[in-house]
């Protein structure tokens, strides 16, 4: 595993525990993600292997679920 990168993603629609849980589970399922945790009311802090995945991969995984996401 190469050096881990970190990204803060802004995610709209994290107004319930269920939505927050759904987002974190989806992020953790992306290959190369070491951890994902809530970061403020509408964000997620993701630690990932930049050699295995990209920020756009993370954002796409959330958009597939119907969440509006981007770099925070």
N, C-alpha and C. Protein backbone atom coordinates (compact mmCIF):
# COMPACT_ATOMS: atom_id res chain seq x y z
N UNK A 1 0.85 -1.18 0.00
CA UNK A 1 0.00 0.00 0.00
C UNK A 1 0.89 1.24 0.00
N UNK A 2 0.59 2.17 -0.88
CA UNK A 2 1.38 3.40 -0.92
C UNK A 2 0.90 4.36 0.18
N UNK A 3 1.53 5.52 0.22
CA UNK A 3 1.17 6.52 1.21
C UNK A 3 -0.32 6.86 1.10
N UNK A 4 -0.95 7.00 2.24
CA UNK A 4 -2.39 7.29 2.25
C UNK A 4 -2.65 8.78 2.10
N UNK A 5 -3.68 9.09 1.33
CA UNK A 5 -4.14 10.46 1.13
C UNK A 5 -5.40 10.66 1.94
N UNK A 6 -5.75 11.93 2.15
CA UNK A 6 -6.99 12.26 2.86
C UNK A 6 -7.76 13.28 2.05
N UNK A 7 -9.07 13.16 2.09
CA UNK A 7 -9.93 14.12 1.40
C UNK A 7 -11.15 14.39 2.26
N UNK A 8 -11.56 15.63 2.26
CA UNK A 8 -12.82 16.00 2.91
C UNK A 8 -13.83 16.22 1.80
N UNK A 9 -14.90 15.44 1.84
CA UNK A 9 -15.95 15.54 0.84
C UNK A 9 -17.15 16.25 1.44
N UNK A 10 -17.73 17.12 0.68
CA UNK A 10 -18.98 17.78 1.05
C UNK A 10 -20.11 16.95 0.46
N UNK A 11 -21.06 16.56 1.31
CA UNK A 11 -22.15 15.68 0.86
C UNK A 11 -23.47 16.27 1.31
N UNK A 12 -24.33 16.58 0.36
CA UNK A 12 -25.66 17.10 0.72
C UNK A 12 -26.60 15.96 1.05
N UNK A 13 -27.45 16.18 2.03
CA UNK A 13 -28.45 15.19 2.37
C UNK A 13 -28.09 14.30 3.54
N UNK A 14 -27.11 14.72 4.33
CA UNK A 14 -26.71 13.92 5.50
C UNK A 14 -27.47 14.37 6.75
N UNK A 15 -28.76 14.57 6.59
CA UNK A 15 -29.55 15.10 7.69
C UNK A 15 -30.13 14.03 8.61
N UNK A 16 -29.88 12.76 8.30
CA UNK A 16 -30.35 11.69 9.19
C UNK A 16 -29.19 10.71 9.46
N UNK A 17 -29.32 9.97 10.54
CA UNK A 17 -28.32 8.95 10.85
C UNK A 17 -28.27 7.88 9.76
N UNK A 18 -29.43 7.55 9.20
CA UNK A 18 -29.49 6.53 8.15
C UNK A 18 -28.73 6.98 6.90
N UNK A 19 -28.91 8.23 6.51
CA UNK A 19 -28.21 8.76 5.34
C UNK A 19 -26.70 8.80 5.59
N UNK A 20 -26.32 9.26 6.75
CA UNK A 20 -24.89 9.33 7.11
C UNK A 20 -24.27 7.93 7.08
N UNK A 21 -24.98 6.96 7.63
CA UNK A 21 -24.50 5.58 7.65
C UNK A 21 -24.37 5.03 6.23
N UNK A 22 -25.36 5.29 5.39
CA UNK A 22 -25.34 4.83 4.00
C UNK A 22 -24.13 5.38 3.25
N UNK A 23 -23.84 6.66 3.45
CA UNK A 23 -22.70 7.30 2.80
C UNK A 23 -21.38 6.70 3.28
N UNK A 24 -21.24 6.53 4.58
CA UNK A 24 -19.98 6.00 5.11
C UNK A 24 -19.76 4.55 4.69
N UNK A 25 -20.80 3.75 4.66
CA UNK A 25 -20.68 2.36 4.20
C UNK A 25 -20.26 2.33 2.74
N UNK A 26 -20.85 3.19 1.91
CA UNK A 26 -20.51 3.24 0.49
C UNK A 26 -19.06 3.66 0.29
N UNK A 27 -18.60 4.66 1.03
CA UNK A 27 -17.22 5.11 0.90
C UNK A 27 -16.25 4.03 1.33
N UNK A 28 -16.55 3.34 2.41
CA UNK A 28 -15.66 2.29 2.91
C UNK A 28 -15.58 1.10 1.95
N UNK A 29 -16.59 0.96 1.08
CA UNK A 29 -16.61 -0.15 0.12
C UNK A 29 -15.77 0.13 -1.12
N UNK A 30 -15.35 1.38 -1.32
CA UNK A 30 -14.54 1.72 -2.48
C UNK A 30 -13.15 1.11 -2.29
N UNK A 31 -12.65 0.38 -3.29
CA UNK A 31 -11.31 -0.21 -3.17
C UNK A 31 -10.25 0.85 -2.87
N UNK A 32 -9.41 0.57 -1.90
CA UNK A 32 -8.35 1.50 -1.53
C UNK A 32 -8.69 2.41 -0.36
N UNK A 33 -9.95 2.44 0.06
CA UNK A 33 -10.34 3.29 1.19
C UNK A 33 -9.95 2.60 2.49
N UNK A 34 -9.18 3.32 3.30
CA UNK A 34 -8.75 2.80 4.60
C UNK A 34 -9.76 3.15 5.68
N UNK A 35 -10.36 4.35 5.59
CA UNK A 35 -11.36 4.75 6.58
C UNK A 35 -12.21 5.88 6.02
N UNK A 36 -13.41 5.98 6.57
CA UNK A 36 -14.33 7.07 6.24
C UNK A 36 -15.12 7.38 7.49
N UNK A 37 -15.18 8.66 7.83
CA UNK A 37 -15.91 9.06 9.03
C UNK A 37 -16.63 10.38 8.77
N UNK A 38 -17.67 10.62 9.55
CA UNK A 38 -18.41 11.87 9.43
C UNK A 38 -17.50 13.04 9.77
N UNK A 39 -17.68 14.12 9.05
CA UNK A 39 -16.87 15.33 9.25
C UNK A 39 -17.81 16.52 9.18
N UNK A 40 -18.33 16.92 10.32
CA UNK A 40 -19.30 18.01 10.36
C UNK A 40 -20.67 17.53 9.90
N UNK A 41 -21.61 18.45 9.79
CA UNK A 41 -22.99 18.07 9.47
C UNK A 41 -23.20 17.60 8.03
N UNK A 42 -22.36 18.02 7.09
CA UNK A 42 -22.53 17.63 5.69
C UNK A 42 -21.20 17.24 5.06
N UNK A 43 -20.41 16.45 5.78
CA UNK A 43 -19.12 16.09 5.22
C UNK A 43 -18.65 14.72 5.64
N UNK A 44 -17.65 14.25 4.91
CA UNK A 44 -17.01 12.97 5.22
C UNK A 44 -15.51 13.13 5.03
N UNK A 45 -14.76 12.61 5.98
CA UNK A 45 -13.30 12.59 5.90
C UNK A 45 -12.90 11.18 5.49
N UNK A 46 -12.22 11.07 4.36
CA UNK A 46 -11.86 9.77 3.81
C UNK A 46 -10.35 9.65 3.72
N UNK A 47 -9.82 8.56 4.23
CA UNK A 47 -8.40 8.24 4.09
C UNK A 47 -8.32 7.09 3.10
N UNK A 48 -7.51 7.26 2.05
CA UNK A 48 -7.50 6.29 0.97
C UNK A 48 -6.12 6.18 0.33
N UNK A 49 -5.91 5.09 -0.39
CA UNK A 49 -4.68 4.84 -1.13
C UNK A 49 -4.82 5.49 -2.50
N UNK A 50 -4.10 6.58 -2.72
CA UNK A 50 -4.19 7.32 -3.96
C UNK A 50 -3.69 6.53 -5.17
N UNK A 51 -2.97 5.47 -4.94
CA UNK A 51 -2.53 4.61 -6.04
C UNK A 51 -3.61 3.65 -6.48
N UNK A 52 -4.66 3.54 -5.67
CA UNK A 52 -5.72 2.57 -5.96
C UNK A 52 -7.05 3.24 -6.31
N UNK A 53 -7.27 4.44 -5.81
CA UNK A 53 -8.54 5.13 -6.07
C UNK A 53 -8.29 6.63 -6.14
N UNK A 54 -9.27 7.36 -6.63
CA UNK A 54 -9.16 8.82 -6.75
C UNK A 54 -10.33 9.47 -6.03
N UNK A 55 -10.22 10.76 -5.84
CA UNK A 55 -11.32 11.51 -5.22
C UNK A 55 -12.56 11.40 -6.10
N UNK A 56 -12.38 11.43 -7.41
CA UNK A 56 -13.55 11.30 -8.30
C UNK A 56 -14.23 9.94 -8.13
N UNK A 57 -13.46 8.89 -7.87
CA UNK A 57 -14.07 7.58 -7.59
C UNK A 57 -14.95 7.65 -6.35
N UNK A 58 -14.46 8.35 -5.34
CA UNK A 58 -15.23 8.51 -4.10
C UNK A 58 -16.52 9.28 -4.36
N UNK A 59 -16.39 10.37 -5.09
CA UNK A 59 -17.57 11.20 -5.40
C UNK A 59 -18.57 10.41 -6.23
N UNK A 60 -18.09 9.67 -7.23
CA UNK A 60 -18.99 8.86 -8.08
C UNK A 60 -19.74 7.83 -7.26
N UNK A 61 -19.08 7.23 -6.27
CA UNK A 61 -19.75 6.21 -5.46
C UNK A 61 -20.94 6.81 -4.71
N UNK A 62 -20.82 8.07 -4.32
CA UNK A 62 -21.93 8.73 -3.61
C UNK A 62 -23.00 9.22 -4.57
N UNK A 63 -22.59 9.70 -5.71
CA UNK A 63 -23.57 10.15 -6.70
C UNK A 63 -24.43 9.01 -7.19
N UNK A 64 -23.87 7.81 -7.28
CA UNK A 64 -24.65 6.63 -7.67
C UNK A 64 -25.78 6.36 -6.69
N UNK A 65 -25.59 6.77 -5.43
CA UNK A 65 -26.61 6.59 -4.40
C UNK A 65 -27.61 7.74 -4.37
N UNK A 66 -27.36 8.77 -5.19
CA UNK A 66 -28.26 9.91 -5.24
C UNK A 66 -27.85 11.09 -4.39
N UNK A 67 -26.65 11.06 -3.83
CA UNK A 67 -26.16 12.18 -3.02
C UNK A 67 -25.36 13.14 -3.88
N UNK A 68 -25.52 14.42 -3.65
CA UNK A 68 -24.72 15.44 -4.32
C UNK A 68 -23.44 15.58 -3.51
N UNK A 69 -22.30 15.26 -4.13
CA UNK A 69 -21.03 15.28 -3.41
C UNK A 69 -19.97 16.00 -4.23
N UNK A 70 -18.99 16.55 -3.52
CA UNK A 70 -17.87 17.22 -4.15
C UNK A 70 -16.78 17.45 -3.12
N UNK A 71 -15.70 18.07 -3.55
CA UNK A 71 -14.63 18.40 -2.62
C UNK A 71 -15.12 19.46 -1.65
N UNK A 72 -14.84 19.25 -0.38
CA UNK A 72 -15.34 20.16 0.64
C UNK A 72 -14.29 21.07 1.09
